Amino acid sequence: MTRSLAVAGHPEFDVGITLVIRSIFPNVVVQQIANTLAVRQSNPGKTNAFELVWTHFGDADDDAQMRAIRLK
């Protein structure tokens, strides 16, 4: 059995906000969790199916560890 290593968070801003979720009707959700900004979009497909697309935003100078934290 392979065990994945937990990725610790990294405080970037001293504002104390850890979760913000905004729904944009009908199929887009913008969310900020700690220091990660992501957009979740559902695209309707067939009658009983849909595609869920995630877009994560980061900084151009993020190192590999920060990228892993944002994708956590």
PDB file of N, CA and C in Angstrom:
ATOM      1  N   MET A   1       0.840  -1.177   0.000  1.00  0.00           N
ATOM      2  CA  MET A   1       0.000   0.000   0.000  1.00  0.00           C
ATOM      3  C   MET A   1       0.892   1.251   0.000  1.00  0.00           C
ATOM      4  N   THR A   2       0.614   2.174  -0.886  1.00  0.00           N
ATOM      5  CA  THR A   2       1.371   3.413  -0.965  1.00  0.00           C
ATOM      6  C   THR A   2       0.675   4.477  -0.149  1.00  0.00           C
ATOM      7  N   ARG A   3       1.444   5.184   0.646  1.00  0.00           N
ATOM      8  CA  ARG A   3       0.888   6.242   1.471  1.00  0.00           C
ATOM      9  C   ARG A   3       1.312   7.587   0.915  1.00  0.00           C
ATOM     10  N   SER A   4       0.366   8.496   0.737  1.00  0.00           N
ATOM     11  CA  SER A   4       0.732   9.818   0.258  1.00  0.00           C
ATOM     12  C   SER A   4       1.106  10.693   1.447  1.00  0.00           C
ATOM     13  N   LEU A   5       2.034  11.585   1.223  1.00  0.00           N
ATOM     14  CA  LEU A   5       2.457  12.498   2.274  1.00  0.00           C
ATOM     15  C   LEU A   5       1.497  13.674   2.339  1.00  0.00           C
ATOM     16  N   ALA A   6       1.145  14.082   3.537  1.00  0.00           N
ATOM     17  CA  ALA A   6       0.278  15.246   3.708  1.00  0.00           C
ATOM     18  C   ALA A   6       1.065  16.501   3.355  1.00  0.00           C
ATOM     19  N   VAL A   7       0.396  17.443   2.736  1.00  0.00           N
ATOM     20  CA  VAL A   7       1.021  18.706   2.378  1.00  0.00           C
ATOM     21  C   VAL A   7       0.500  19.762   3.341  1.00  0.00           C
ATOM     22  N   ALA A   8       1.404  20.385   4.068  1.00  0.00           N
ATOM     23  CA  ALA A   8       1.009  21.416   5.030  1.00  0.00           C
ATOM     24  C   ALA A   8       0.617  22.691   4.304  1.00  0.00           C
ATOM     25  N   GLY A   9      -0.210  23.486   4.932  1.00  0.00           N
ATOM     26  CA  GLY A   9      -0.592  24.776   4.368  1.00  0.00           C
ATOM     27  C   GLY A   9       0.528  25.787   4.540  1.00  0.00           C
ATOM     28  N   HIS A  10       0.358  26.946   3.939  1.00  0.00           N
ATOM     29  CA  HIS A  10       1.370  27.993   4.004  1.00  0.00           C
ATOM     30  C   HIS A  10       0.657  29.341   4.043  1.00  0.00           C
ATOM     31  N   PRO A  11       0.643  30.033   5.192  1.00  0.00           N
ATOM     32  CA  PRO A  11      -0.050  31.329   5.249  1.00  0.00           C
ATOM     33  C   PRO A  11       0.694  32.376   4.421  1.00  0.00           C
ATOM     34  N   GLU A  12      -0.010  33.003   3.477  1.00  0.00           N
ATOM     35  CA  GLU A  12       0.602  34.044   2.651  1.00  0.00           C
ATOM     36  C   GLU A  12       0.164  35.433   3.093  1.00  0.00           C
ATOM     37  N   PHE A  13      -1.072  35.545   3.590  1.00  0.00           N
ATOM     38  CA  PHE A  13      -1.637  36.835   3.949  1.00  0.00           C
ATOM     39  C   PHE A  13      -2.133  36.785   5.391  1.00  0.00           C
ATOM     40  N   ASP A  14      -2.066  37.889   6.082  1.00  0.00           N
ATOM     41  CA  ASP A  14      -2.471  37.946   7.478  1.00  0.00           C
ATOM     42  C   ASP A  14      -3.865  38.569   7.590  1.00  0.00           C
ATOM     43  N   VAL A  15      -4.861  37.920   6.970  1.00  0.00           N
ATOM     44  CA  VAL A  15      -6.228  38.450   7.014  1.00  0.00           C
ATOM     45  C   VAL A  15      -7.176  37.531   7.758  1.00  0.00           C
ATOM     46  N   GLY A  16      -6.772  36.293   8.028  1.00  0.00           N
ATOM     47  CA  GLY A  16      -7.595  35.377   8.799  1.00  0.00           C
ATOM     48  C   GLY A  16      -8.735  34.724   8.034  1.00  0.00           C
ATOM     49  N   ILE A  17      -8.877  34.994   6.748  1.00  0.00           N
ATOM     50  CA  ILE A  17      -9.940  34.383   5.955  1.00  0.00           C
ATOM     51  C   ILE A  17      -9.424  33.059   5.397  1.00  0.00           C
ATOM     52  N   THR A  18     -10.202  31.991   5.594  1.00  0.00           N
ATOM     53  CA  THR A  18      -9.743  30.698   5.110  1.00  0.00           C
ATOM     54  C   THR A  18     -10.665  30.081   4.073  1.00  0.00           C
ATOM     55  N   LEU A  19     -11.892  30.593   3.922  1.00  0.00           N
ATOM     56  CA  LEU A  19     -12.813  29.993   2.964  1.00  0.00           C
ATOM     57  C   LEU A  19     -13.791  31.026   2.432  1.00  0.00           C
ATOM     58  N   VAL A  20     -13.856  31.161   1.108  1.00  0.00           N
ATOM     59  CA  VAL A  20     -14.842  32.009   0.438  1.00  0.00           C
ATOM     60  C   VAL A  20     -15.311  31.244  -0.785  1.00  0.00           C
ATOM     61  N   ILE A  21     -16.628  31.066  -0.919  1.00  0.00           N
ATOM     62  CA  ILE A  21     -17.181  30.375  -2.084  1.00  0.00           C
ATOM     63  C   ILE A  21     -18.283  31.248  -2.672  1.00  0.00           C
ATOM     64  N   ARG A  22     -18.198  31.519  -3.958  1.00  0.00           N
ATOM     65  CA  ARG A  22     -19.199  32.324  -4.672  1.00  0.00           C
ATOM     66  C   ARG A  22     -19.734  31.517  -5.845  1.00  0.00           C
ATOM     67  N   SER A  23     -21.036  31.397  -5.926  1.00  0.00           N
ATOM     68  CA  SER A  23     -21.658  30.691  -7.038  1.00  0.00           C
ATOM     69  C   SER A  23     -22.062  31.703  -8.093  1.00  0.00           C
ATOM     70  N   ILE A  24     -21.745  31.417  -9.343  1.00  0.00           N
ATOM     71  CA  ILE A  24     -22.126  32.263 -10.479  1.00  0.00           C
ATOM     72  C   ILE A  24     -23.068  31.446 -11.334  1.00  0.00           C
ATOM     73  N   PHE A  25     -24.345  31.785 -11.300  1.00  0.00           N
ATOM     74  CA  PHE A  25     -25.385  31.021 -11.978  1.00  0.00           C
ATOM     75  C   PHE A  25     -25.086  30.909 -13.457  1.00  0.00           C
ATOM     76  N   PRO A  26     -25.326  29.810 -14.108  1.00  0.00           N
ATOM     77  CA  PRO A  26     -25.848  28.568 -13.555  1.00  0.00           C
ATOM     78  C   PRO A  26     -24.788  27.504 -13.292  1.00  0.00           C
ATOM     79  N   ASN A  27     -23.562  27.675 -13.767  1.00  0.00           N
ATOM     80  CA  ASN A  27     -22.674  26.513 -13.690  1.00  0.00           C
ATOM     81  C   ASN A  27     -21.232  26.821 -13.288  1.00  0.00           C
ATOM     82  N   VAL A  28     -20.984  27.937 -12.619  1.00  0.00           N
ATOM     83  CA  VAL A  28     -19.616  28.283 -12.239  1.00  0.00           C
ATOM     84  C   VAL A  28     -19.558  28.595 -10.743  1.00  0.00           C
ATOM     85  N   VAL A  29     -18.552  28.049 -10.079  1.00  0.00           N
ATOM     86  CA  VAL A  29     -18.302  28.334  -8.669  1.00  0.00           C
ATOM     87  C   VAL A  29     -16.861  28.819  -8.540  1.00  0.00           C
ATOM     88  N   VAL A  30     -16.677  29.975  -7.926  1.00  0.00           N
ATOM     89  CA  VAL A  30     -15.350  30.503  -7.654  1.00  0.00           C
ATOM     90  C   VAL A  30     -15.110  30.318  -6.166  1.00  0.00           C
ATOM     91  N   GLN A  31     -13.976  29.724  -5.807  1.00  0.00           N
ATOM     92  CA  GLN A  31     -13.724  29.494  -4.390  1.00  0.00           C
ATOM     93  C   GLN A  31     -12.302  29.840  -4.027  1.00  0.00           C
ATOM     94  N   GLN A  32     -12.169  30.372  -2.816  1.00  0.00           N
ATOM     95  CA  GLN A  32     -10.865  30.638  -2.228  1.00  0.00           C
ATOM     96  C   GLN A  32     -10.810  29.846  -0.942  1.00  0.00           C
ATOM     97  N   ILE A  33      -9.862  28.944  -0.855  1.00  0.00           N
ATOM     98  CA  ILE A  33      -9.632  28.185   0.366  1.00  0.00           C
ATOM     99  C   ILE A  33      -8.196  28.468   0.768  1.00  0.00           C
ATOM    100  N   ALA A  34      -8.044  29.110   1.911  1.00  0.00           N
ATOM    101  CA  ALA A  34      -6.739  29.555   2.398  1.00  0.00           C
ATOM    102  C   ALA A  34      -6.072  30.391   1.314  1.00  0.00           C
ATOM    103  N   ASN A  35      -4.978  29.939   0.743  1.00  0.00           N
ATOM    104  CA  ASN A  35      -4.249  30.735  -0.237  1.00  0.00           C
ATOM    105  C   ASN A  35      -4.398  30.180  -1.652  1.00  0.00           C
ATOM    106  N   THR A  36      -5.523  29.524  -1.918  1.00  0.00           N
ATOM    107  CA  THR A  36      -5.760  28.944  -3.236  1.00  0.00           C
ATOM    108  C   THR A  36      -7.018  29.536  -3.848  1.00  0.00           C
ATOM    109  N   LEU A  37      -6.937  29.947  -5.101  1.00  0.00           N
ATOM    110  CA  LEU A  37      -8.099  30.413  -5.840  1.00  0.00           C
ATOM    111  C   LEU A  37      -8.379  29.405  -6.941  1.00  0.00           C
ATOM    112  N   ALA A  38      -9.620  28.935  -7.005  1.00  0.00           N
ATOM    113  CA  ALA A  38      -9.990  27.930  -8.000  1.00  0.00           C
ATOM    114  C   ALA A  38     -11.361  28.265  -8.580  1.00  0.00           C
ATOM    115  N   VAL A  39     -11.573  27.866  -9.816  1.00  0.00           N
ATOM    116  CA  VAL A  39     -12.862  28.003 -10.479  1.00  0.00           C
ATOM    117  C   VAL A  39     -13.318  26.610 -10.851  1.00  0.00           C
ATOM    118  N   ARG A  40     -14.552  26.291 -10.471  1.00  0.00           N
ATOM    119  CA  ARG A  40     -15.141  24.979 -10.775  1.00  0.00           C
ATOM    120  C   ARG A  40     -16.306  25.225 -11.718  1.00  0.00           C
ATOM    121  N   GLN A  41     -16.275  24.567 -12.866  1.00  0.00           N
ATOM    122  CA  GLN A  41     -17.312  24.769 -13.881  1.00  0.00           C
ATOM    123  C   GLN A  41     -17.883  23.427 -14.289  1.00  0.00           C
ATOM    124  N   SER A  42     -19.198  23.335 -14.316  1.00  0.00           N
ATOM    125  CA  SER A  42     -19.823  22.100 -14.801  1.00  0.00           C
ATOM    126  C   SER A  42     -20.392  22.358 -16.188  1.00  0.00           C
ATOM    127  N   ASN A  43     -20.039  21.468 -17.100  1.00  0.00           N
ATOM    128  CA  ASN A  43     -20.517  21.549 -18.478  1.00  0.00           C
ATOM    129  C   ASN A  43     -21.492  20.419 -18.728  1.00  0.00           C
ATOM    130  N   PRO A  44     -22.745  20.747 -19.052  1.00  0.00           N
ATOM    131  CA  PRO A  44     -23.725  19.694 -19.305  1.00  0.00           C
ATOM    132  C   PRO A  44     -23.313  18.840 -20.495  1.00  0.00           C
ATOM    133  N   GLY A  45     -23.579  17.579 -20.379  1.00  0.00           N
ATOM    134  CA  GLY A  45     -23.271  16.648 -21.462  1.00  0.00           C
ATOM    135  C   GLY A  45     -24.540  15.961 -21.890  1.00  0.00           C
ATOM    136  N   LYS A  46     -24.504  14.647 -21.868  1.00  0.00           N
ATOM    137  CA  LYS A  46     -25.684  13.861 -22.207  1.00  0.00           C
ATOM    138  C   LYS A  46     -26.715  13.990 -21.098  1.00  0.00           C
ATOM    139  N   THR A  47     -27.821  13.338 -21.239  1.00  0.00           N
ATOM    140  CA  THR A  47     -28.906  13.432 -20.269  1.00  0.00           C
ATOM    141  C   THR A  47     -28.461  13.079 -18.857  1.00  0.00           C
ATOM    142  N   ASN A  48     -27.658  12.058 -18.698  1.00  0.00           N
ATOM    143  CA  ASN A  48     -27.253  11.602 -17.376  1.00  0.00           C
ATOM    144  C   ASN A  48     -25.780  11.830 -17.087  1.00  0.00           C
ATOM    145  N   ALA A  49     -25.175  12.844 -17.707  1.00  0.00           N
ATOM    146  CA  ALA A  49     -23.741  13.055 -17.514  1.00  0.00           C
ATOM    147  C   ALA A  49     -23.398  14.537 -17.621  1.00  0.00           C
ATOM    148  N   PHE A  50     -22.262  14.898 -17.027  1.00  0.00           N
ATOM    149  CA  PHE A  50     -21.725  16.244 -17.179  1.00  0.00           C
ATOM    150  C   PHE A  50     -20.222  16.186 -16.977  1.00  0.00           C
ATOM    151  N   GLU A  51     -19.537  17.227 -17.419  1.00  0.00           N
ATOM    152  CA  GLU A  51     -18.092  17.327 -17.256  1.00  0.00           C
ATOM    153  C   GLU A  51     -17.814  18.386 -16.194  1.00  0.00           C
ATOM    154  N   LEU A  52     -16.941  18.067 -15.238  1.00  0.00           N
ATOM    155  CA  LEU A  52     -16.559  19.009 -14.195  1.00  0.00           C
ATOM    156  C   LEU A  52     -15.133  19.471 -14.477  1.00  0.00           C
ATOM    157  N   VAL A  53     -14.945  20.765 -14.667  1.00  0.00           N
ATOM    158  CA  VAL A  53     -13.646  21.341 -15.024  1.00  0.00           C
ATOM    159  C   VAL A  53     -13.174  22.222 -13.873  1.00  0.00           C
ATOM    160  N   TRP A  54     -11.958  21.943 -13.372  1.00  0.00           N
ATOM    161  CA  TRP A  54     -11.350  22.738 -12.308  1.00  0.00           C
ATOM    162  C   TRP A  54     -10.202  23.552 -12.898  1.00  0.00           C
ATOM    163  N   THR A  55     -10.132  24.827 -12.552  1.00  0.00           N
ATOM    164  CA  THR A  55      -9.011  25.673 -12.925  1.00  0.00           C
ATOM    165  C   THR A  55      -8.434  26.243 -11.633  1.00  0.00           C
ATOM    166  N   HIS A  56      -7.166  25.968 -11.368  1.00  0.00           N
ATOM    167  CA  HIS A  56      -6.501  26.478 -10.169  1.00  0.00           C
ATOM    168  C   HIS A  56      -5.553  27.597 -10.577  1.00  0.00           C
ATOM    169  N   PHE A  57      -5.525  28.659  -9.791  1.00  0.00           N
ATOM    170  CA  PHE A  57      -4.659  29.794 -10.073  1.00  0.00           C
ATOM    171  C   PHE A  57      -3.514  29.830  -9.071  1.00  0.00           C
ATOM    172  N   GLY A  58      -2.349  30.209  -9.547  1.00  0.00           N
ATOM    173  CA  GLY A  58      -1.178  30.357  -8.688  1.00  0.00           C
ATOM    174  C   GLY A  58      -0.331  31.498  -9.216  1.00  0.00           C
ATOM    175  N   ASP A  59       0.784  31.713  -8.566  1.00  0.00           N
ATOM    176  CA  ASP A  59       1.708  32.758  -8.997  1.00  0.00           C
ATOM    177  C   ASP A  59       2.779  32.152  -9.897  1.00  0.00           C
ATOM    178  N   ALA A  60       3.274  32.934 -10.821  1.00  0.00           N
ATOM    179  CA  ALA A  60       4.296  32.449 -11.756  1.00  0.00           C
ATOM    180  C   ALA A  60       5.562  32.008 -11.034  1.00  0.00           C
ATOM    181  N   ASP A  61       5.846  32.613  -9.886  1.00  0.00           N
ATOM    182  CA  ASP A  61       7.074  32.256  -9.179  1.00  0.00           C
ATOM    183  C   ASP A  61       6.857  31.199  -8.082  1.00  0.00           C
ATOM    184  N   ASP A  62       5.704  30.517  -8.072  1.00  0.00           N
ATOM    185  CA  ASP A  62       5.474  29.429  -7.116  1.00  0.00           C
ATOM    186  C   ASP A  62       6.477  28.303  -7.349  1.00  0.00           C
ATOM    187  N   ASP A  63       7.056  27.797  -6.259  1.00  0.00           N
ATOM    188  CA  ASP A  63       7.938  26.640  -6.389  1.00  0.00           C
ATOM    189  C   ASP A  63       7.085  25.361  -6.349  1.00  0.00           C
ATOM    190  N   ALA A  64       7.712  24.216  -6.487  1.00  0.00           N
ATOM    191  CA  ALA A  64       6.978  22.943  -6.554  1.00  0.00           C
ATOM    192  C   ALA A  64       6.186  22.681  -5.275  1.00  0.00           C
ATOM    193  N   GLN A  65       6.738  23.045  -4.114  1.00  0.00           N
ATOM    194  CA  GLN A  65       6.024  22.824  -2.858  1.00  0.00           C
ATOM    195  C   GLN A  65       4.772  23.691  -2.774  1.00  0.00           C
ATOM    196  N   MET A  66       4.877  24.957  -3.196  1.00  0.00           N
ATOM    197  CA  MET A  66       3.701  25.839  -3.159  1.00  0.00           C
ATOM    198  C   MET A  66       2.642  25.368  -4.143  1.00  0.00           C
ATOM    199  N   ARG A  67       3.055  24.871  -5.300  1.00  0.00           N
ATOM    200  CA  ARG A  67       2.115  24.328  -6.269  1.00  0.00           C
ATOM    201  C   ARG A  67       1.349  23.154  -5.666  1.00  0.00           C
ATOM    202  N   ALA A  68       2.055  22.280  -4.959  1.00  0.00           N
ATOM    203  CA  ALA A  68       1.411  21.130  -4.304  1.00  0.00           C
ATOM    204  C   ALA A  68       0.427  21.582  -3.236  1.00  0.00           C
ATOM    205  N   ILE A  69       0.770  22.647  -2.488  1.00  0.00           N
ATOM    206  CA  ILE A  69      -0.141  23.188  -1.484  1.00  0.00           C
ATOM    207  C   ILE A  69      -1.390  23.720  -2.133  1.00  0.00           C
ATOM    208  N   ARG A  70      -1.250  24.457  -3.236  1.00  0.00           N
ATOM    209  CA  ARG A  70      -2.421  25.031  -3.909  1.00  0.00           C
ATOM    210  C   ARG A  70      -3.335  23.940  -4.484  1.00  0.00           C
ATOM    211  N   LEU A  71      -2.750  22.838  -4.944  1.00  0.00           N
ATOM    212  CA  LEU A  71      -3.547  21.766  -5.537  1.00  0.00           C
ATOM    213  C   LEU A  71      -4.115  20.802  -4.501  1.00  0.00           C
ATOM    214  N   LYS A  72      -3.707  20.932  -3.254  1.00  0.00           N
ATOM    215  CA  LYS A  72      -4.136  20.029  -2.181  1.00  0.00           C
ATOM    216  C   LYS A  72      -5.637  19.984  -2.042  1.00  0.00           C
TER     217      LYS A  72
END
